[in-house]
Amino acid sequence: PYRDEVEVVHRSFELDPGRAKDDI
């Protein structure tokens, strides 16, 4: 009921931090 008062912020979390960009 108070959804208009809720601010949603998305934060970063990498499952594979440091993985090379071309490692697919």
PDB file of all heavy atoms in Angstrom:
ATOM      1  N   PRO A   1       0.792  -1.234   0.000  1.00  0.00           N
ATOM      2  CA  PRO A   1       0.000   0.000   0.000  1.00  0.00           C
ATOM      3  C   PRO A   1       0.824   1.284   0.000  1.00  0.00           C
ATOM      4  O   PRO A   1       0.329   2.336  -0.404  1.00  0.00           O
ATOM      5  CB  PRO A   1      -0.860  -0.119   1.273  1.00  0.00           C
ATOM      6  CG  PRO A   1      -0.188  -1.159   2.114  1.00  0.00           C
ATOM      7  CD  PRO A   1       0.481  -2.088   1.164  1.00  0.00           C
ATOM      8  N   TYR A   2       2.090   1.209   0.431  1.00  0.00           N
ATOM      9  CA  TYR A   2       2.936   2.402   0.474  1.00  0.00           C
ATOM     10  C   TYR A   2       4.038   2.335  -0.594  1.00  0.00           C
ATOM     11  O   TYR A   2       5.118   2.893  -0.419  1.00  0.00           O
ATOM     12  CB  TYR A   2       3.557   2.544   1.870  1.00  0.00           C
ATOM     13  CG  TYR A   2       2.532   2.533   2.979  1.00  0.00           C
ATOM     14  CD1 TYR A   2       2.376   1.401   3.783  1.00  0.00           C
ATOM     15  CD2 TYR A   2       1.705   3.627   3.196  1.00  0.00           C
ATOM     16  CE1 TYR A   2       1.423   1.378   4.788  1.00  0.00           C
ATOM     17  CE2 TYR A   2       0.748   3.610   4.203  1.00  0.00           C
ATOM     18  CZ  TYR A   2       0.614   2.483   4.995  1.00  0.00           C
ATOM     19  OH  TYR A   2      -0.329   2.469   5.983  1.00  0.00           O
ATOM     20  N   ARG A   3       3.739   1.665  -1.705  1.00  0.00           N
ATOM     21  CA  ARG A   3       4.764   1.453  -2.746  1.00  0.00           C
ATOM     22  C   ARG A   3       5.317   2.758  -3.301  1.00  0.00           C
ATOM     23  O   ARG A   3       6.471   2.814  -3.714  1.00  0.00           O
ATOM     24  CB  ARG A   3       4.196   0.602  -3.880  1.00  0.00           C
ATOM     25  CG  ARG A   3       2.968   1.196  -4.575  1.00  0.00           C
ATOM     26  CD  ARG A   3       2.380   0.220  -5.583  1.00  0.00           C
ATOM     27  NE  ARG A   3       1.147   0.712  -6.164  1.00  0.00           N
ATOM     28  CZ  ARG A   3      -0.054   0.586  -5.606  1.00  0.00           C
ATOM     29  NH1 ARG A   3      -0.151  -0.028  -4.432  1.00  0.00           N
ATOM     30  NH2 ARG A   3      -1.138   1.059  -6.182  1.00  0.00           N
ATOM     31  N   ASP A   4       4.504   3.824  -3.300  1.00  0.00           N
ATOM     32  CA  ASP A   4       4.980   5.098  -3.836  1.00  0.00           C
ATOM     33  C   ASP A   4       6.044   5.732  -2.944  1.00  0.00           C
ATOM     34  O   ASP A   4       6.732   6.673  -3.367  1.00  0.00           O
ATOM     35  CB  ASP A   4       3.815   6.077  -4.015  1.00  0.00           C
ATOM     36  CG  ASP A   4       2.861   5.646  -5.123  1.00  0.00           C
ATOM     37  OD1 ASP A   4       3.282   4.835  -5.971  1.00  0.00           O
ATOM     38  OD2 ASP A   4       1.702   6.112  -5.139  1.00  0.00           O
ATOM     39  N   GLU A   5       6.190   5.232  -1.734  1.00  0.00           N
ATOM     40  CA  GLU A   5       7.192   5.753  -0.812  1.00  0.00           C
ATOM     41  C   GLU A   5       8.458   4.889  -0.784  1.00  0.00           C
ATOM     42  O   GLU A   5       9.348   5.129   0.032  1.00  0.00           O
ATOM     43  CB  GLU A   5       6.605   5.840   0.593  1.00  0.00           C
ATOM     44  CG  GLU A   5       5.387   6.758   0.704  1.00  0.00           C
ATOM     45  CD  GLU A   5       4.786   6.746   2.092  1.00  0.00           C
ATOM     46  OE1 GLU A   5       5.563   6.743   3.072  1.00  0.00           O
ATOM     47  OE2 GLU A   5       3.542   6.708   2.206  1.00  0.00           O
ATOM     48  N   VAL A   6       8.520   3.905  -1.663  1.00  0.00           N
ATOM     49  CA  VAL A   6       9.648   2.975  -1.681  1.00  0.00           C
ATOM     50  C   VAL A   6      10.586   3.315  -2.836  1.00  0.00           C
ATOM     51  O   VAL A   6      10.175   3.388  -3.995  1.00  0.00           O
ATOM     52  CB  VAL A   6       9.162   1.517  -1.826  1.00  0.00           C
ATOM     53  CG1 VAL A   6      10.359   0.564  -1.886  1.00  0.00           C
ATOM     54  CG2 VAL A   6       8.246   1.143  -0.665  1.00  0.00           C
ATOM     55  N   GLU A   7      11.851   3.541  -2.509  1.00  0.00           N
ATOM     56  CA  GLU A   7      12.902   3.729  -3.513  1.00  0.00           C
ATOM     57  C   GLU A   7      13.673   2.426  -3.645  1.00  0.00           C
ATOM     58  O   GLU A   7      14.141   1.874  -2.651  1.00  0.00           O
ATOM     59  CB  GLU A   7      13.862   4.849  -3.097  1.00  0.00           C
ATOM     60  CG  GLU A   7      15.044   5.014  -4.042  1.00  0.00           C
ATOM     61  CD  GLU A   7      16.155   5.875  -3.463  1.00  0.00           C
ATOM     62  OE1 GLU A   7      16.115   6.165  -2.247  1.00  0.00           O
ATOM     63  OE2 GLU A   7      17.068   6.250  -4.226  1.00  0.00           O
ATOM     64  N   VAL A   8      13.800   1.913  -4.860  1.00  0.00           N
ATOM     65  CA  VAL A   8      14.531   0.671  -5.100  1.00  0.00           C
ATOM     66  C   VAL A   8      15.861   1.002  -5.771  1.00  0.00           C
ATOM     67  O   VAL A   8      15.897   1.698  -6.795  1.00  0.00           O
ATOM     68  CB  VAL A   8      13.714  -0.297  -5.986  1.00  0.00           C
ATOM     69  CG1 VAL A   8      14.526  -1.570  -6.257  1.00  0.00           C
ATOM     70  CG2 VAL A   8      12.396  -0.650  -5.311  1.00  0.00           C
ATOM     71  N   VAL A   9      16.941   0.523  -5.183  1.00  0.00           N
ATOM     72  CA  VAL A   9      18.282   0.734  -5.726  1.00  0.00           C
ATOM     73  C   VAL A   9      18.929  -0.626  -5.955  1.00  0.00           C
ATOM     74  O   VAL A   9      18.936  -1.474  -5.063  1.00  0.00           O
ATOM     75  CB  VAL A   9      19.158   1.563  -4.758  1.00  0.00           C
ATOM     76  CG1 VAL A   9      20.562   1.710  -5.318  1.00  0.00           C
ATOM     77  CG2 VAL A   9      18.531   2.924  -4.507  1.00  0.00           C
ATOM     78  N   HIS A  10      19.467  -0.827  -7.139  1.00  0.00           N
ATOM     79  CA  HIS A  10      20.102  -2.095  -7.470  1.00  0.00           C
ATOM     80  C   HIS A  10      21.610  -1.986  -7.294  1.00  0.00           C
ATOM     81  O   HIS A  10      22.241  -1.045  -7.775  1.00  0.00           O
ATOM     82  CB  HIS A  10      19.733  -2.507  -8.895  1.00  0.00           C
ATOM     83  CG  HIS A  10      18.280  -2.792  -9.050  1.00  0.00           C
ATOM     84  ND1 HIS A  10      17.713  -3.999  -8.689  1.00  0.00           N
ATOM     85  CD2 HIS A  10      17.256  -2.004  -9.475  1.00  0.00           C
ATOM     86  CE1 HIS A  10      16.415  -3.952  -8.908  1.00  0.00           C
ATOM     87  NE2 HIS A  10      16.110  -2.754  -9.377  1.00  0.00           N
ATOM     88  N   ARG A  11      22.164  -2.954  -6.579  1.00  0.00           N
ATOM     89  CA  ARG A  11      23.586  -2.976  -6.259  1.00  0.00           C
ATOM     90  C   ARG A  11      24.292  -4.105  -7.020  1.00  0.00           C
ATOM     91  O   ARG A  11      23.672  -5.107  -7.380  1.00  0.00           O
ATOM     92  CB  ARG A  11      23.792  -3.191  -4.760  1.00  0.00           C
ATOM     93  CG  ARG A  11      23.128  -2.148  -3.861  1.00  0.00           C
ATOM     94  CD  ARG A  11      23.784  -0.803  -3.997  1.00  0.00           C
ATOM     95  NE  ARG A  11      23.342   0.119  -2.966  1.00  0.00           N
ATOM     96  CZ  ARG A  11      23.619   1.415  -2.967  1.00  0.00           C
ATOM     97  NH1 ARG A  11      24.335   1.936  -3.955  1.00  0.00           N
ATOM     98  NH2 ARG A  11      23.192   2.199  -1.996  1.00  0.00           N
ATOM     99  N   SER A  12      25.585  -3.942  -7.195  1.00  0.00           N
ATOM    100  CA  SER A  12      26.364  -4.893  -7.980  1.00  0.00           C
ATOM    101  C   SER A  12      26.875  -6.064  -7.144  1.00  0.00           C
ATOM    102  O   SER A  12      27.313  -5.893  -6.008  1.00  0.00           O
ATOM    103  CB  SER A  12      27.571  -4.191  -8.607  1.00  0.00           C
ATOM    104  OG  SER A  12      27.167  -3.154  -9.467  1.00  0.00           O
ATOM    105  N   PHE A  13      26.828  -7.247  -7.764  1.00  0.00           N
ATOM    106  CA  PHE A  13      27.395  -8.459  -7.182  1.00  0.00           C
ATOM    107  C   PHE A  13      27.759  -9.374  -8.348  1.00  0.00           C
ATOM    108  O   PHE A  13      26.870  -9.851  -9.049  1.00  0.00           O
ATOM    109  CB  PHE A  13      26.386  -9.149  -6.257  1.00  0.00           C
ATOM    110  CG  PHE A  13      26.949 -10.283  -5.437  1.00  0.00           C
ATOM    111  CD1 PHE A  13      27.115 -10.141  -4.065  1.00  0.00           C
ATOM    112  CD2 PHE A  13      27.285 -11.491  -6.027  1.00  0.00           C
ATOM    113  CE1 PHE A  13      27.621 -11.188  -3.303  1.00  0.00           C
ATOM    114  CE2 PHE A  13      27.785 -12.541  -5.270  1.00  0.00           C
ATOM    115  CZ  PHE A  13      27.957 -12.394  -3.900  1.00  0.00           C
ATOM    116  N   GLU A  14      29.051  -9.612  -8.572  1.00  0.00           N
ATOM    117  CA  GLU A  14      29.471 -10.490  -9.660  1.00  0.00           C
ATOM    118  C   GLU A  14      29.659 -11.915  -9.146  1.00  0.00           C
ATOM    119  O   GLU A  14      30.364 -12.143  -8.166  1.00  0.00           O
ATOM    120  CB  GLU A  14      30.792 -10.019 -10.246  1.00  0.00           C
ATOM    121  CG  GLU A  14      30.744  -8.692 -10.965  1.00  0.00           C
ATOM    122  CD  GLU A  14      32.157  -8.248 -11.305  1.00  0.00           C
ATOM    123  OE1 GLU A  14      32.810  -7.639 -10.432  1.00  0.00           O
ATOM    124  OE2 GLU A  14      32.598  -8.545 -12.436  1.00  0.00           O
ATOM    125  N   LEU A  15      29.060 -12.859  -9.825  1.00  0.00           N
ATOM    126  CA  LEU A  15      29.273 -14.256  -9.477  1.00  0.00           C
ATOM    127  C   LEU A  15      30.657 -14.724  -9.902  1.00  0.00           C
ATOM    128  O   LEU A  15      31.216 -15.644  -9.301  1.00  0.00           O
ATOM    129  CB  LEU A  15      28.202 -15.130 -10.145  1.00  0.00           C
ATOM    130  CG  LEU A  15      26.781 -14.896  -9.631  1.00  0.00           C
ATOM    131  CD1 LEU A  15      25.789 -15.674 -10.476  1.00  0.00           C
ATOM    132  CD2 LEU A  15      26.658 -15.275  -8.166  1.00  0.00           C
ATOM    133  N   ASP A  16      31.201 -14.091 -10.941  1.00  0.00           N
ATOM    134  CA  ASP A  16      32.546 -14.429 -11.425  1.00  0.00           C
ATOM    135  C   ASP A  16      33.407 -13.174 -11.493  1.00  0.00           C
ATOM    136  O   ASP A  16      33.794 -12.738 -12.581  1.00  0.00           O
ATOM    137  CB  ASP A  16      32.470 -15.080 -12.806  1.00  0.00           C
ATOM    138  CG  ASP A  16      32.002 -16.521 -12.746  1.00  0.00           C
ATOM    139  OD1 ASP A  16      32.424 -17.233 -11.818  1.00  0.00           O
ATOM    140  OD2 ASP A  16      31.212 -16.932 -13.610  1.00  0.00           O
ATOM    141  N   PRO A  17      33.729 -12.556 -10.352  1.00  0.00           N
ATOM    142  CA  PRO A  17      34.552 -11.342 -10.397  1.00  0.00           C
ATOM    143  C   PRO A  17      35.932 -11.650 -10.971  1.00  0.00           C
ATOM    144  O   PRO A  17      36.539 -12.672 -10.661  1.00  0.00           O
ATOM    145  CB  PRO A  17      34.644 -10.922  -8.915  1.00  0.00           C
ATOM    146  CG  PRO A  17      34.367 -12.178  -8.147  1.00  0.00           C
ATOM    147  CD  PRO A  17      33.398 -12.955  -8.968  1.00  0.00           C
ATOM    148  N   GLY A  18      36.386 -10.774 -11.829  1.00  0.00           N
ATOM    149  CA  GLY A  18      37.691 -10.977 -12.431  1.00  0.00           C
ATOM    150  C   GLY A  18      37.675 -11.837 -13.674  1.00  0.00           C
ATOM    151  O   GLY A  18      38.724 -12.040 -14.307  1.00  0.00           O
ATOM    152  N   ARG A  19      36.530 -12.351 -14.067  1.00  0.00           N
ATOM    153  CA  ARG A  19      36.445 -13.162 -15.280  1.00  0.00           C
ATOM    154  C   ARG A  19      36.776 -12.303 -16.495  1.00  0.00           C
ATOM    155  O   ARG A  19      36.302 -11.174 -16.617  1.00  0.00           O
ATOM    156  CB  ARG A  19      35.040 -13.741 -15.429  1.00  0.00           C
ATOM    157  CG  ARG A  19      34.903 -14.774 -16.552  1.00  0.00           C
ATOM    158  CD  ARG A  19      33.453 -15.217 -16.717  1.00  0.00           C
ATOM    159  NE  ARG A  19      33.346 -16.308 -17.679  1.00  0.00           N
ATOM    160  CZ  ARG A  19      33.126 -17.580 -17.358  1.00  0.00           C
ATOM    161  NH1 ARG A  19      32.998 -17.913 -16.092  1.00  0.00           N
ATOM    162  NH2 ARG A  19      33.039 -18.507 -18.296  1.00  0.00           N
ATOM    163  N   ALA A  20      37.585 -12.829 -17.387  1.00  0.00           N
ATOM    164  CA  ALA A  20      37.972 -12.082 -18.578  1.00  0.00           C
ATOM    165  C   ALA A  20      36.765 -11.828 -19.469  1.00  0.00           C
ATOM    166  O   ALA A  20      35.855 -12.668 -19.566  1.00  0.00           O
ATOM    167  CB  ALA A  20      39.037 -12.847 -19.355  1.00  0.00           C
ATOM    168  N   LYS A  21      36.771 -10.679 -20.118  1.00  0.00           N
ATOM    169  CA  LYS A  21      35.641 -10.289 -20.952  1.00  0.00           C
ATOM    170  C   LYS A  21      35.394 -11.281 -22.080  1.00  0.00           C
ATOM    171  O   LYS A  21      34.243 -11.510 -22.476  1.00  0.00           O
ATOM    172  CB  LYS A  21      35.891  -8.885 -21.515  1.00  0.00           C
ATOM    173  CG  LYS A  21      34.724  -8.306 -22.297  1.00  0.00           C
ATOM    174  CD  LYS A  21      34.971  -6.853 -22.624  1.00  0.00           C
ATOM    175  CE  LYS A  21      33.812  -6.246 -23.413  1.00  0.00           C
ATOM    176  NZ  LYS A  21      34.001  -4.793 -23.641  1.00  0.00           N
ATOM    177  N   ASP A  22      36.463 -11.875 -22.603  1.00  0.00           N
ATOM    178  CA  ASP A  22      36.307 -12.800 -23.723  1.00  0.00           C
ATOM    179  C   ASP A  22      36.193 -14.262 -23.290  1.00  0.00           C
ATOM    180  O   ASP A  22      36.203 -15.173 -24.122  1.00  0.00           O
ATOM    181  CB  ASP A  22      37.470 -12.646 -24.711  1.00  0.00           C
ATOM    182  CG  ASP A  22      38.825 -12.942 -24.073  1.00  0.00           C
ATOM    183  OD1 ASP A  22      38.870 -13.184 -22.846  1.00  0.00           O
ATOM    184  OD2 ASP A  22      39.829 -12.913 -24.801  1.00  0.00           O
ATOM    185  N   ASP A  23      36.071 -14.493 -21.977  1.00  0.00           N
ATOM    186  CA  ASP A  23      35.924 -15.852 -21.457  1.00  0.00           C
ATOM    187  C   ASP A  23      34.434 -16.191 -21.415  1.00  0.00           C
ATOM    188  O   ASP A  23      33.746 -15.949 -20.429  1.00  0.00           O
ATOM    189  CB  ASP A  23      36.551 -15.952 -20.067  1.00  0.00           C
ATOM    190  CG  ASP A  23      36.488 -17.365 -19.499  1.00  0.00           C
ATOM    191  OD1 ASP A  23      36.040 -18.276 -20.210  1.00  0.00           O
ATOM    192  OD2 ASP A  23      36.885 -17.545 -18.328  1.00  0.00           O
ATOM    193  N   ILE A  24      33.940 -16.769 -22.495  1.00  0.00           N
ATOM    194  CA  ILE A  24      32.520 -17.053 -22.650  1.00  0.00           C
ATOM    195  C   ILE A  24      32.363 -18.537 -22.968  1.00  0.00           C
ATOM    196  O   ILE A  24      33.133 -19.098 -23.750  1.00  0.00           O
ATOM    197  CB  ILE A  24      31.911 -16.213 -23.793  1.00  0.00           C
ATOM    198  CG1 ILE A  24      32.126 -14.721 -23.523  1.00  0.00           C
ATOM    199  CG2 ILE A  24      30.416 -16.506 -23.953  1.00  0.00           C
ATOM    200  CD1 ILE A  24      31.847 -13.848 -24.727  1.00  0.00           C
TER     201      ILE A  24
END
